[in-house]
Protein backbone atom coordinates (compact mmCIF):
# COMPACT_ATOMS: atom_id res chain seq x y z
CA UNK A 1 0.05 -0.13 0.01
CA UNK A 2 1.47 3.31 -1.27
CA UNK A 3 0.37 6.80 -1.55
CA UNK A 4 0.08 9.10 -4.70
CA UNK A 5 0.09 12.81 -4.38
CA UNK A 6 0.63 15.75 -6.70
CA UNK A 7 -0.10 19.29 -7.83
CA UNK A 8 -1.18 20.91 -11.05
CA UNK A 9 -0.67 24.64 -10.98
CA UNK A 10 -2.12 25.55 -14.24
CA UNK A 11 -2.93 29.12 -13.22
CA UNK A 12 0.80 29.87 -12.32
CA UNK A 13 -0.51 30.96 -8.92
CA UNK A 14 2.57 29.84 -6.93
CA UNK A 15 6.22 30.02 -7.15
CA UNK A 16 8.61 27.05 -7.30
CA UNK A 17 9.39 27.47 -3.61
CA UNK A 18 5.77 27.59 -2.68
CA UNK A 19 5.02 24.55 -4.66
CA UNK A 20 7.98 22.65 -2.97
CA UNK A 21 6.57 23.54 0.45
CA UNK A 22 3.18 22.27 -0.48
CA UNK A 23 4.60 19.09 -1.89
CA UNK A 24 6.64 18.50 1.08
CA UNK A 25 3.54 18.89 3.51
CA UNK A 26 1.60 16.48 1.08
CA UNK A 27 4.41 13.90 1.01
CA UNK A 28 4.75 13.82 4.78
CA UNK A 29 1.25 13.25 5.30
CA UNK A 30 1.38 10.47 2.74
CA UNK A 31 3.94 8.62 5.03
CA UNK A 32 1.00 6.97 6.75
CA UNK A 33 0.68 4.62 3.62
CA UNK A 34 4.52 4.21 2.95
CA UNK A 35 7.85 5.30 4.31
CA UNK A 36 10.31 2.98 2.52
CA UNK A 37 10.78 5.38 -0.55
CA UNK A 38 9.69 8.70 -1.85
CA UNK A 39 9.91 10.05 -5.47
CA UNK A 40 8.38 12.78 -7.69
CA UNK A 41 8.41 13.62 -11.36
CA UNK A 42 7.96 16.81 -13.32
CA UNK A 43 8.56 18.36 -16.82
CA UNK A 44 11.62 20.76 -16.95
CA UNK A 45 13.60 21.86 -20.02
CA UNK A 46 11.45 19.71 -22.27
CA UNK A 47 12.30 16.53 -20.45
CA UNK A 48 10.82 14.57 -17.53
CA UNK A 49 12.94 14.76 -14.36
CA UNK A 50 12.67 11.96 -11.75
CA UNK A 51 13.90 12.50 -8.21
CA UNK A 52 13.46 9.54 -5.85
CA UNK A 53 15.30 8.02 -2.85
CA UNK A 54 14.83 5.18 -0.50
CA UNK A 55 13.99 7.52 2.16
CA UNK A 56 10.70 8.57 3.95
CA UNK A 57 9.22 11.72 2.82
CA UNK A 58 10.27 13.68 5.79
CA UNK A 59 13.89 13.22 4.76
CA UNK A 60 13.29 14.57 1.17
CA UNK A 61 14.20 18.07 0.21
CA UNK A 62 12.06 19.15 -2.80
CA UNK A 63 13.40 21.94 -5.11
CA UNK A 64 10.81 22.98 -7.89
CA UNK A 65 11.75 25.27 -10.66
CA UNK A 66 9.33 28.21 -11.09
CA UNK A 67 8.55 27.09 -14.63
CA UNK A 68 7.31 23.71 -13.38
CA UNK A 69 3.51 23.52 -13.16
CA UNK A 70 2.88 19.75 -12.82
CA UNK A 71 4.38 17.45 -10.30
CA UNK A 72 3.38 13.89 -9.48
CA UNK A 73 4.64 12.01 -6.35
CA UNK A 74 4.68 8.78 -4.59
CA UNK A 75 5.43 7.44 -1.17
CA UNK A 76 6.10 3.61 -1.07
CA UNK A 77 5.51 0.74 1.18
CA UNK A 78 7.44 -2.27 -0.17
CA UNK A 79 5.67 -5.33 -1.25
CA UNK A 80 7.91 -6.56 -3.98
CA UNK A 81 11.52 -5.33 -5.02
CA UNK A 82 13.77 -3.90 -2.24
CA UNK A 83 13.42 -0.12 -1.88
CA UNK A 84 17.17 0.08 -1.12
CA UNK A 85 17.61 -0.59 -4.82
CA UNK A 86 16.47 2.77 -6.21
CA UNK A 87 15.38 1.35 -9.57
CA UNK A 88 12.62 -0.51 -7.83
CA UNK A 89 11.02 2.79 -6.55
CA UNK A 90 8.50 5.05 -8.14
CA UNK A 91 8.14 6.95 -10.35
CA UNK A 92 9.58 5.33 -13.47
CA UNK A 93 10.33 6.72 -16.73
CA UNK A 94 8.78 5.16 -19.99
CA UNK A 95 9.51 6.00 -23.60
CA UNK A 96 7.03 5.95 -26.58
CA UNK A 97 7.56 7.40 -30.02
CA UNK A 98 7.51 11.23 -29.63
CA UNK A 99 8.41 11.48 -25.90
CA UNK A 100 8.87 10.19 -22.49
CA UNK A 101 6.53 9.60 -19.68
CA UNK A 102 6.54 8.93 -15.85
CA UNK A 103 4.36 6.50 -14.03
CA UNK A 104 3.63 5.73 -10.35
CA UNK A 105 1.25 3.03 -9.05
CA UNK A 106 -0.62 2.64 -5.76
CA UNK A 107 -1.54 -1.09 -5.37
CA UNK A 108 -0.36 -4.63 -5.94
CA UNK A 109 -0.40 -6.47 -9.37
CA UNK A 110 -0.03 -10.25 -9.32
CA UNK A 111 0.12 -11.18 -12.97
CA UNK A 112 3.24 -9.36 -13.94
CA UNK A 113 5.44 -12.31 -14.28
CA UNK A 114 2.90 -13.93 -16.63
CA UNK A 115 2.54 -10.69 -18.57
CA UNK A 116 6.33 -10.47 -19.15
CA UNK A 117 6.25 -13.95 -20.62
CA UNK A 118 3.12 -13.90 -22.71
CA UNK A 119 3.52 -10.34 -24.06
CA UNK A 120 7.32 -10.96 -24.63
CA UNK A 121 8.25 -7.86 -22.62
CA UNK A 122 11.96 -7.08 -22.22
CA UNK A 123 13.99 -8.10 -19.16
CA UNK A 124 15.00 -5.18 -16.87
CA UNK A 125 16.60 -4.81 -13.41
CA UNK A 126 13.39 -3.46 -12.01
CA UNK A 127 12.02 -6.07 -9.58
CA UNK A 128 8.78 -4.32 -8.71
CA UNK A 129 5.44 -5.66 -10.03
CA UNK A 130 4.17 -2.17 -10.92
CA UNK A 131 6.79 -1.81 -13.64
CA UNK A 132 4.95 -4.07 -15.96
CA UNK A 133 2.34 -1.02 -16.47
CA UNK A 134 5.22 1.03 -18.06
CA UNK A 135 6.19 -1.84 -20.23
CA UNK A 136 2.64 -2.61 -21.34
CA UNK A 137 2.17 1.07 -22.37
CA UNK A 138 5.47 1.03 -24.16
CA UNK A 139 4.35 -2.06 -26.04
CA UNK A 140 1.56 -0.01 -27.62
CA UNK A 141 4.00 2.69 -28.72
CA UNK A 142 1.78 5.46 -27.48
CA UNK A 143 0.59 7.26 -24.40
CA UNK A 144 -3.07 7.90 -25.06
CA UNK A 145 -6.54 6.74 -23.89
CA UNK A 146 -6.23 3.57 -25.86
CA UNK A 147 -2.88 2.51 -24.45
CA UNK A 148 -3.91 3.32 -20.84
CA UNK A 149 -7.06 1.40 -21.43
CA UNK A 150 -5.18 -1.55 -22.70
CA UNK A 151 -2.78 -1.47 -19.86
CA UNK A 152 -5.61 -1.19 -17.27
CA UNK A 153 -7.60 -3.99 -18.61
CA UNK A 154 -4.60 -6.27 -18.95
CA UNK A 155 -3.14 -6.05 -15.45
CA UNK A 156 -4.69 -7.93 -12.47
CA UNK A 157 -4.60 -6.88 -8.92
CA UNK A 158 -5.38 -3.62 -7.26
CA UNK A 159 -4.41 -0.24 -8.65
CA UNK A 160 -4.48 3.55 -9.25
CA UNK A 161 -2.03 5.01 -11.63
CA UNK A 162 -0.83 8.44 -12.23
CA UNK A 163 1.11 9.10 -15.49
CA UNK A 164 2.91 12.43 -16.56
CA UNK A 165 3.66 13.08 -20.03
CA UNK A 166 5.92 15.62 -22.00
CA UNK A 167 2.92 17.78 -22.91
CA UNK A 168 2.38 18.63 -19.15
CA UNK A 169 -0.63 16.39 -19.24
CA UNK A 170 -1.49 14.31 -16.06
CA UNK A 171 -3.40 11.11 -16.56
CA UNK A 172 -5.18 9.48 -13.63
CA UNK A 173 -6.17 5.80 -14.08
CA UNK A 174 -8.70 4.94 -11.46
CA UNK A 175 -8.94 1.18 -10.46
CA UNK A 176 -10.23 -0.08 -7.24
CA UNK A 177 -7.64 1.77 -5.06
CA UNK A 178 -8.54 5.21 -3.70
CA UNK A 179 -7.71 8.67 -5.05
CA UNK A 180 -9.08 12.07 -4.13
CA UNK A 181 -8.72 15.02 -6.40
CA UNK A 182 -9.42 18.66 -5.37
CA UNK A 183 -9.92 21.54 -7.89
CA UNK A 184 -9.56 25.21 -7.14
CA UNK A 185 -10.67 26.97 -10.27
CA UNK A 186 -10.05 30.41 -9.02
CA UNK A 187 -6.37 29.65 -8.40
CA UNK A 188 -6.00 27.36 -11.45
CA UNK A 189 -4.97 24.72 -9.06
CA UNK A 190 -5.41 20.79 -8.55
CA UNK A 191 -4.22 18.91 -5.59
CA UNK A 192 -4.57 15.15 -5.12
CA UNK A 193 -3.60 12.38 -2.72
CA UNK A 194 -4.66 8.68 -2.45
CA UNK A 195 -7.20 9.42 0.27
CA UNK A 196 -9.28 12.51 1.10
CA UNK A 197 -8.27 12.16 4.86
CA UNK A 198 -4.64 12.57 3.88
CA UNK A 199 -5.45 15.40 1.46
CA UNK A 200 -7.50 17.41 3.90
CA UNK A 201 -4.88 17.05 6.50
CA UNK A 202 -2.12 18.21 4.35
CA UNK A 203 -4.23 21.24 3.22
CA UNK A 204 -4.85 22.21 6.68
CA UNK A 205 -1.05 22.41 7.33
CA UNK A 206 -0.18 24.34 4.32
CA UNK A 207 0.65 27.91 4.98
CA UNK A 208 -1.46 29.31 2.05
CA UNK A 209 -5.12 30.31 1.79
CA UNK A 210 -6.68 28.12 -0.81
CA UNK A 211 -10.27 28.55 -0.20
CA UNK A 212 -12.97 25.82 -0.65
CA UNK A 213 -12.12 23.21 -3.24
CA UNK A 214 -14.36 21.50 -5.78
CA UNK A 215 -13.98 17.65 -5.41
CA UNK A 216 -13.51 16.04 -8.81
CA UNK A 217 -15.52 12.74 -9.06
CA UNK A 218 -13.44 9.75 -9.82
CA UNK A 219 -14.96 6.16 -10.16
CA UNK A 220 -13.53 2.87 -10.82
CA UNK A 221 -12.86 2.45 -14.41
CA UNK A 222 -12.23 6.09 -15.19
CA UNK A 223 -9.25 7.55 -17.12
CA UNK A 224 -9.02 11.26 -16.55
CA UNK A 225 -6.76 13.55 -18.36
CA UNK A 226 -5.85 17.01 -17.16
CA UNK A 227 -3.90 19.30 -19.59
CA UNK A 228 -1.65 22.15 -19.14
CA UNK A 229 -4.51 24.53 -19.15
CA UNK A 230 -6.51 22.48 -16.46
CA UNK A 231 -8.85 21.13 -18.95
CA UNK A 232 -10.32 17.66 -18.21
CA UNK A 233 -11.15 15.02 -20.59
CA UNK A 234 -12.45 11.65 -19.57
CA UNK A 235 -12.73 8.12 -21.00
CA UNK A 236 -13.28 4.67 -19.42
CA UNK A 237 -11.86 1.22 -19.22
CA UNK A 238 -13.75 -2.18 -18.55
CA UNK A 239 -13.13 -2.63 -14.69
CA UNK A 240 -15.19 -5.83 -14.40
CA UNK A 241 -12.01 -7.77 -13.73
CA UNK A 242 -11.50 -5.61 -10.74
CA UNK A 243 -14.92 -5.99 -9.06
CA UNK A 244 -14.30 -9.28 -7.37
CA UNK A 245 -11.84 -7.48 -4.91
CA UNK A 246 -14.92 -6.31 -3.06
CA UNK A 247 -15.15 -9.58 -1.30
CA UNK A 248 -16.60 -10.35 2.08
CA UNK A 249 -14.76 -12.21 4.97
CA UNK A 250 -14.14 -14.58 6.52
CA UNK A 251 -13.47 -16.40 3.18
CA UNK A 252 -15.23 -19.75 4.18
CA UNK A 253 -18.44 -17.82 4.51
CA UNK A 254 -18.70 -16.24 1.08
CA UNK A 255 -16.90 -18.31 -1.46
CA UNK A 256 -20.09 -19.21 -3.17
CA UNK A 257 -20.77 -15.50 -3.97
CA UNK A 258 -17.74 -14.91 -6.12
CA UNK A 259 -16.42 -16.55 -9.39
CA UNK A 260 -13.73 -19.27 -9.29
CA UNK A 261 -10.86 -17.01 -10.24
CA UNK A 262 -11.76 -14.91 -7.07
CA UNK A 263 -11.79 -17.78 -4.67
CA UNK A 264 -8.72 -17.78 -2.40
CA UNK A 265 -6.71 -16.20 -5.33
CA UNK A 266 -3.31 -15.09 -5.34
CA UNK A 267 -4.46 -11.52 -5.26
CA UNK A 268 -6.60 -12.03 -2.26
CA UNK A 269 -3.63 -13.71 -0.38
CA UNK A 270 -1.21 -10.73 -1.51
CA UNK A 271 -3.73 -8.24 -0.39
CA UNK A 272 -4.10 -9.80 2.99
CA UNK A 273 -0.42 -10.13 3.45
CA UNK A 274 -0.21 -6.34 2.55
CA UNK A 275 -2.60 -5.64 5.26
CA UNK A 276 -0.58 -7.66 7.85
CA UNK A 277 2.63 -5.90 6.83
CA UNK A 278 0.82 -2.45 7.18
CA UNK A 279 -0.44 -3.19 10.47
CA UNK A 280 3.00 -4.22 11.79
CA UNK A 281 4.50 -1.00 10.15
CA UNK A 282 1.92 1.05 12.05
CA UNK A 283 2.65 -0.62 15.40
CA UNK A 284 -0.02 -3.44 15.52
CA UNK A 285 0.55 -7.14 15.68
CA UNK A 286 0.14 -8.73 12.25
CA UNK A 287 -2.26 -11.38 13.88
CA UNK A 288 -4.67 -8.64 14.57
CA UNK A 289 -5.80 -8.52 10.96
CA UNK A 290 -6.94 -12.07 11.09
CA UNK A 291 -8.79 -11.41 14.48
CA UNK A 292 -10.67 -8.52 12.81
CA UNK A 293 -11.45 -10.72 9.88
CA UNK A 294 -12.86 -13.47 12.10
CA UNK A 295 -14.82 -10.73 13.93
CA UNK A 296 -16.61 -9.81 10.61
CA UNK A 297 -14.78 -6.77 9.65
CA UNK A 298 -14.33 -6.36 5.92
CA UNK A 299 -10.81 -5.68 4.39
CA UNK A 300 -11.80 -2.13 3.48
CA UNK A 301 -12.93 -1.48 6.93
CA UNK A 302 -9.56 -2.88 8.32
CA UNK A 303 -7.64 -0.64 5.71
CA UNK A 304 -9.58 2.40 6.88
CA UNK A 305 -8.85 1.63 10.50
CA UNK A 306 -5.11 1.27 9.88
CA UNK A 307 -4.83 4.45 7.97
CA UNK A 308 -7.30 6.68 9.64
CA UNK A 309 -7.80 5.17 13.09
CA UNK A 310 -11.54 4.61 12.72
CA UNK A 311 -13.97 2.47 10.89
């Protein structure tokens, strides 16, 4: 479980120093969902710059040039691929004819090994499951709604992706993992984070008066593009393969309500282990997750408790 965060200052309302401070506050609040690594990506001098380190966000020092208007970020909780090897951390650069892009992912993908073999994707030194999303986009030789739809419908697991391209466009691919996006039209500003709780806490700690935001609705299956002028364009992908994630617990009481592929699947096991690891990182015993499951709490309720302290 990781956290996505970022800023789109299409109104040029803030200096680079101000944006750096806002991003620092956002990133620190995102630590609740991951402290193993932190990274950002932005477009500068006609190229995408990636700055990432195997550090918690509180150790990062962001420097954002005044000309930069869009920054996407990520804080990581490791599930696959050691964070000490920086190539395993988000965001990653990808290449398609006509330009570069940067991608970050919140979630867990469990069919990455199969996809690398069946889609004949090139071997790399990146050990993280998320990187297969970069490779699938590169395979389509374009970054557009079509290639993002292909990627989102091909990967299996849980996800929300953010992608930044060389046209200063930010793409949000909303799977079954959370993402909250606020818009401040008068300022020409967007802010986002993986959960509304994180976003609102961060905004309350920013030393800027933003006013009341408009919340942009994002549903599972949405692909939202925001361009350099703040204009939104939206298309959709088929999210039917994600819907079985909304399973009930304990498993033995609800197997009959889900298709065979969802029963005790690798994804369910990976997601449960992810919850146990999260609990341990936040100071709880891993076994508590199983106790809560036996008490009848859903996985979503457990995740909400771990991150927000309430269900």
